[in-house]
N, C-alpha and C. Protein backbone atom coordinates (compact mmCIF):
# COMPACT_ATOMS: atom_id res chain seq x y z
N UNK A 1 96.26 79.08 125.89
CA UNK A 1 96.28 80.48 125.53
C UNK A 1 95.77 80.62 124.10
N UNK A 2 94.91 81.58 123.88
CA UNK A 2 94.36 81.77 122.54
C UNK A 2 95.29 82.65 121.70
N UNK A 3 95.15 82.51 120.41
CA UNK A 3 95.96 83.28 119.47
C UNK A 3 95.30 84.62 119.22
N UNK A 4 96.09 85.67 119.17
CA UNK A 4 95.57 87.00 118.86
C UNK A 4 96.05 87.39 117.47
N UNK A 5 95.13 87.86 116.65
CA UNK A 5 95.48 88.35 115.33
C UNK A 5 95.65 89.86 115.39
N UNK A 6 96.69 90.35 114.73
CA UNK A 6 96.94 91.78 114.66
C UNK A 6 97.03 92.17 113.20
N UNK A 7 96.45 93.29 112.87
CA UNK A 7 96.56 93.86 111.53
C UNK A 7 97.22 95.21 111.70
N UNK A 8 98.45 95.32 111.23
CA UNK A 8 99.22 96.54 111.41
C UNK A 8 99.44 97.22 110.07
N UNK A 9 99.20 98.50 110.03
CA UNK A 9 99.44 99.30 108.84
C UNK A 9 100.36 100.43 109.24
N UNK A 10 101.42 100.61 108.49
CA UNK A 10 102.37 101.68 108.77
C UNK A 10 102.47 102.56 107.55
N UNK A 11 102.36 103.85 107.77
CA UNK A 11 102.53 104.83 106.70
C UNK A 11 103.64 105.77 107.11
N UNK A 12 104.63 105.92 106.23
CA UNK A 12 105.77 106.80 106.51
C UNK A 12 105.80 107.92 105.49
N UNK A 13 106.29 109.07 105.90
CA UNK A 13 106.56 110.18 104.99
C UNK A 13 108.07 110.35 104.98
N UNK A 14 108.70 109.95 103.89
CA UNK A 14 110.17 109.96 103.78
C UNK A 14 110.57 111.00 102.74
N UNK A 15 111.47 111.92 103.11
CA UNK A 15 111.88 112.96 102.17
C UNK A 15 112.92 112.44 101.17
N UNK A 16 112.50 111.55 100.31
CA UNK A 16 113.39 110.98 99.29
C UNK A 16 112.53 110.55 98.11
N UNK A 17 113.17 110.34 96.98
CA UNK A 17 112.45 109.89 95.79
C UNK A 17 111.84 108.51 96.05
N UNK A 18 110.62 108.29 95.58
CA UNK A 18 109.97 106.98 95.80
C UNK A 18 110.82 105.80 95.34
N UNK A 19 111.52 105.94 94.24
CA UNK A 19 112.35 104.84 93.74
C UNK A 19 113.47 104.50 94.72
N UNK A 20 114.05 105.50 95.35
CA UNK A 20 115.12 105.24 96.31
C UNK A 20 114.57 104.56 97.56
N UNK A 21 113.44 105.05 98.04
CA UNK A 21 112.81 104.45 99.22
C UNK A 21 112.44 103.00 98.93
N UNK A 22 111.86 102.77 97.77
CA UNK A 22 111.45 101.42 97.39
C UNK A 22 112.65 100.48 97.34
N UNK A 23 113.74 100.94 96.77
CA UNK A 23 114.95 100.10 96.68
C UNK A 23 115.42 99.69 98.07
N UNK A 24 115.36 100.59 99.04
CA UNK A 24 115.76 100.26 100.42
C UNK A 24 114.79 99.27 101.05
N UNK A 25 113.50 99.48 100.86
CA UNK A 25 112.51 98.58 101.45
C UNK A 25 112.58 97.17 100.86
N UNK A 26 112.99 97.06 99.61
CA UNK A 26 113.06 95.75 98.97
C UNK A 26 114.33 94.98 99.32
N UNK A 27 115.17 95.54 100.20
CA UNK A 27 116.36 94.85 100.71
C UNK A 27 116.26 94.73 102.24
N UNK A 28 115.29 93.98 102.74
CA UNK A 28 115.09 93.92 104.19
C UNK A 28 116.30 93.37 104.94
N UNK A 29 117.13 92.59 104.29
CA UNK A 29 118.32 92.08 104.97
C UNK A 29 119.27 93.23 105.33
N UNK A 30 119.10 94.40 104.71
CA UNK A 30 119.93 95.57 105.02
C UNK A 30 119.27 96.52 106.02
N UNK A 31 118.05 96.25 106.42
CA UNK A 31 117.35 97.15 107.34
C UNK A 31 118.11 97.41 108.63
N UNK A 32 118.79 96.41 109.23
CA UNK A 32 119.50 96.70 110.48
C UNK A 32 120.54 97.82 110.36
N UNK A 33 121.01 98.11 109.16
CA UNK A 33 122.00 99.16 108.97
C UNK A 33 121.41 100.56 109.17
N UNK A 34 120.10 100.73 108.95
CA UNK A 34 119.51 102.06 109.05
C UNK A 34 118.27 102.14 109.93
N UNK A 35 117.73 101.01 110.35
CA UNK A 35 116.52 101.00 111.17
C UNK A 35 116.90 100.49 112.56
N UNK A 36 117.00 101.38 113.55
CA UNK A 36 117.52 100.99 114.87
C UNK A 36 116.76 99.87 115.56
N UNK A 37 115.48 99.71 115.29
CA UNK A 37 114.70 98.66 115.96
C UNK A 37 114.98 97.27 115.41
N UNK A 38 115.52 97.18 114.20
CA UNK A 38 115.77 95.88 113.58
C UNK A 38 117.18 95.41 113.93
N UNK A 39 117.26 94.33 114.69
CA UNK A 39 118.55 93.78 115.10
C UNK A 39 119.10 92.84 114.04
N UNK A 40 118.22 91.99 113.50
CA UNK A 40 118.62 91.02 112.47
C UNK A 40 117.51 90.86 111.46
N UNK A 41 117.91 90.56 110.23
CA UNK A 41 116.95 90.24 109.16
C UNK A 41 117.63 89.21 108.27
N UNK A 42 117.26 87.96 108.45
CA UNK A 42 117.88 86.87 107.71
C UNK A 42 116.93 86.34 106.64
N UNK A 43 117.42 86.23 105.41
CA UNK A 43 116.63 85.69 104.31
C UNK A 43 116.58 84.17 104.45
N UNK A 44 115.38 83.62 104.56
CA UNK A 44 115.18 82.17 104.61
C UNK A 44 114.91 81.65 103.21
N UNK A 45 114.08 82.40 102.46
CA UNK A 45 113.74 82.05 101.08
C UNK A 45 113.58 83.36 100.32
N UNK A 46 114.32 83.57 99.23
CA UNK A 46 114.23 84.85 98.51
C UNK A 46 112.93 85.04 97.75
N UNK A 47 112.17 83.98 97.49
CA UNK A 47 110.92 84.11 96.76
C UNK A 47 111.13 84.50 95.31
N UNK A 48 110.09 85.09 94.72
CA UNK A 48 110.13 85.51 93.32
C UNK A 48 110.92 86.81 93.17
N UNK A 49 111.24 87.16 91.95
CA UNK A 49 111.96 88.41 91.68
C UNK A 49 111.19 89.62 92.20
N UNK A 50 109.87 89.54 92.21
CA UNK A 50 109.02 90.64 92.70
C UNK A 50 109.08 90.79 94.21
N UNK A 51 109.57 89.75 94.90
CA UNK A 51 109.57 89.73 96.35
C UNK A 51 108.47 88.87 96.93
N UNK A 52 107.44 88.58 96.15
CA UNK A 52 106.34 87.72 96.63
C UNK A 52 106.91 86.33 96.91
N UNK A 53 106.50 85.78 98.04
CA UNK A 53 106.98 84.45 98.42
C UNK A 53 108.27 84.47 99.22
N UNK A 54 108.86 85.65 99.39
CA UNK A 54 110.08 85.71 100.20
C UNK A 54 109.72 85.48 101.67
N UNK A 55 110.63 84.85 102.38
CA UNK A 55 110.43 84.60 103.81
C UNK A 55 111.69 85.06 104.53
N UNK A 56 111.48 85.90 105.52
CA UNK A 56 112.60 86.44 106.30
C UNK A 56 112.36 86.21 107.77
N UNK A 57 113.43 86.05 108.51
CA UNK A 57 113.36 85.93 109.97
C UNK A 57 113.94 87.22 110.56
N UNK A 58 113.14 87.90 111.35
CA UNK A 58 113.53 89.17 111.94
C UNK A 58 113.70 89.04 113.45
N UNK A 59 114.60 89.84 113.98
CA UNK A 59 114.69 90.05 115.42
C UNK A 59 114.64 91.56 115.63
N UNK A 60 113.71 91.99 116.47
CA UNK A 60 113.50 93.42 116.73
C UNK A 60 113.67 93.70 118.21
N UNK A 61 114.17 94.88 118.52
CA UNK A 61 114.13 95.34 119.90
C UNK A 61 112.91 96.25 120.03
N UNK A 62 112.36 96.30 121.22
CA UNK A 62 111.13 97.05 121.44
C UNK A 62 111.38 98.16 122.46
N UNK A 63 110.36 98.99 122.67
CA UNK A 63 110.45 100.03 123.70
C UNK A 63 110.47 99.40 125.10
N UNK A 64 109.95 98.19 125.20
CA UNK A 64 109.99 97.44 126.46
C UNK A 64 111.32 96.69 126.53
N UNK A 65 111.70 96.22 127.69
CA UNK A 65 113.02 95.56 127.79
C UNK A 65 113.02 94.11 127.31
N UNK A 66 112.59 93.88 126.09
CA UNK A 66 112.69 92.54 125.51
C UNK A 66 112.78 92.65 124.00
N UNK A 67 113.12 91.54 123.37
CA UNK A 67 113.22 91.47 121.92
C UNK A 67 112.14 90.54 121.39
N UNK A 68 111.79 90.74 120.12
CA UNK A 68 110.82 89.88 119.44
C UNK A 68 111.50 89.25 118.24
N UNK A 69 111.17 87.99 117.98
CA UNK A 69 111.64 87.31 116.77
C UNK A 69 110.42 86.75 116.06
N UNK A 70 110.41 86.88 114.74
CA UNK A 70 109.28 86.38 113.96
C UNK A 70 109.71 86.23 112.51
N UNK A 71 108.95 85.42 111.78
CA UNK A 71 109.16 85.24 110.35
C UNK A 71 108.08 86.02 109.61
N UNK A 72 108.44 86.57 108.47
CA UNK A 72 107.45 87.24 107.61
C UNK A 72 107.51 86.62 106.23
N UNK A 73 106.34 86.23 105.73
CA UNK A 73 106.16 85.74 104.37
C UNK A 73 105.53 86.87 103.57
N UNK A 74 106.19 87.33 102.53
CA UNK A 74 105.65 88.39 101.68
C UNK A 74 104.57 87.80 100.79
N UNK A 75 103.36 88.35 100.88
CA UNK A 75 102.21 87.79 100.16
C UNK A 75 101.77 88.65 98.98
N UNK A 76 102.15 89.92 98.98
CA UNK A 76 101.71 90.82 97.91
C UNK A 76 102.69 91.98 97.80
N UNK A 77 103.02 92.34 96.57
CA UNK A 77 103.88 93.49 96.31
C UNK A 77 103.29 94.29 95.16
N UNK A 78 103.10 95.57 95.39
CA UNK A 78 102.72 96.51 94.33
C UNK A 78 103.86 97.51 94.25
N UNK A 79 104.71 97.42 93.24
CA UNK A 79 105.91 98.26 93.17
C UNK A 79 105.62 99.74 93.42
N UNK A 80 106.48 100.31 94.24
CA UNK A 80 106.43 101.72 94.64
C UNK A 80 105.19 102.08 95.45
N UNK A 81 104.43 101.07 95.92
CA UNK A 81 103.20 101.38 96.64
C UNK A 81 102.96 100.53 97.88
N UNK A 82 103.21 99.20 97.82
CA UNK A 82 102.74 98.34 98.90
C UNK A 82 103.58 97.08 99.01
N UNK A 83 103.88 96.70 100.25
CA UNK A 83 104.45 95.39 100.56
C UNK A 83 103.55 94.82 101.65
N UNK A 84 103.00 93.65 101.40
CA UNK A 84 102.08 93.02 102.35
C UNK A 84 102.64 91.66 102.72
N UNK A 85 102.49 91.29 103.98
CA UNK A 85 103.01 90.00 104.41
C UNK A 85 102.25 89.43 105.58
N UNK A 86 102.62 88.22 105.93
CA UNK A 86 102.01 87.51 107.06
C UNK A 86 103.14 87.10 108.00
N UNK A 87 103.01 87.46 109.26
CA UNK A 87 104.03 87.14 110.25
C UNK A 87 103.62 85.93 111.07
N UNK A 88 104.61 85.16 111.49
CA UNK A 88 104.36 84.02 112.36
C UNK A 88 105.50 83.87 113.34
């Protein structure tokens, strides 16, 4: 079976101050508390203070009757603007 590459971009409009939204996004281990699709978010490596180099293991439920598990390595962070990573 061949590997498929996906490039996903998500843009949200959240009615809150950017600093508050950013603070929530920078604590992915807390996402299951407010994001219904995220079942688990375990920190494997916290990385740098900026978040770059952090590695997390996620388990998500989907619209289909199955769950997905994957690791994300954070590769780039632009405060209050962008979090970029690579999933495996």
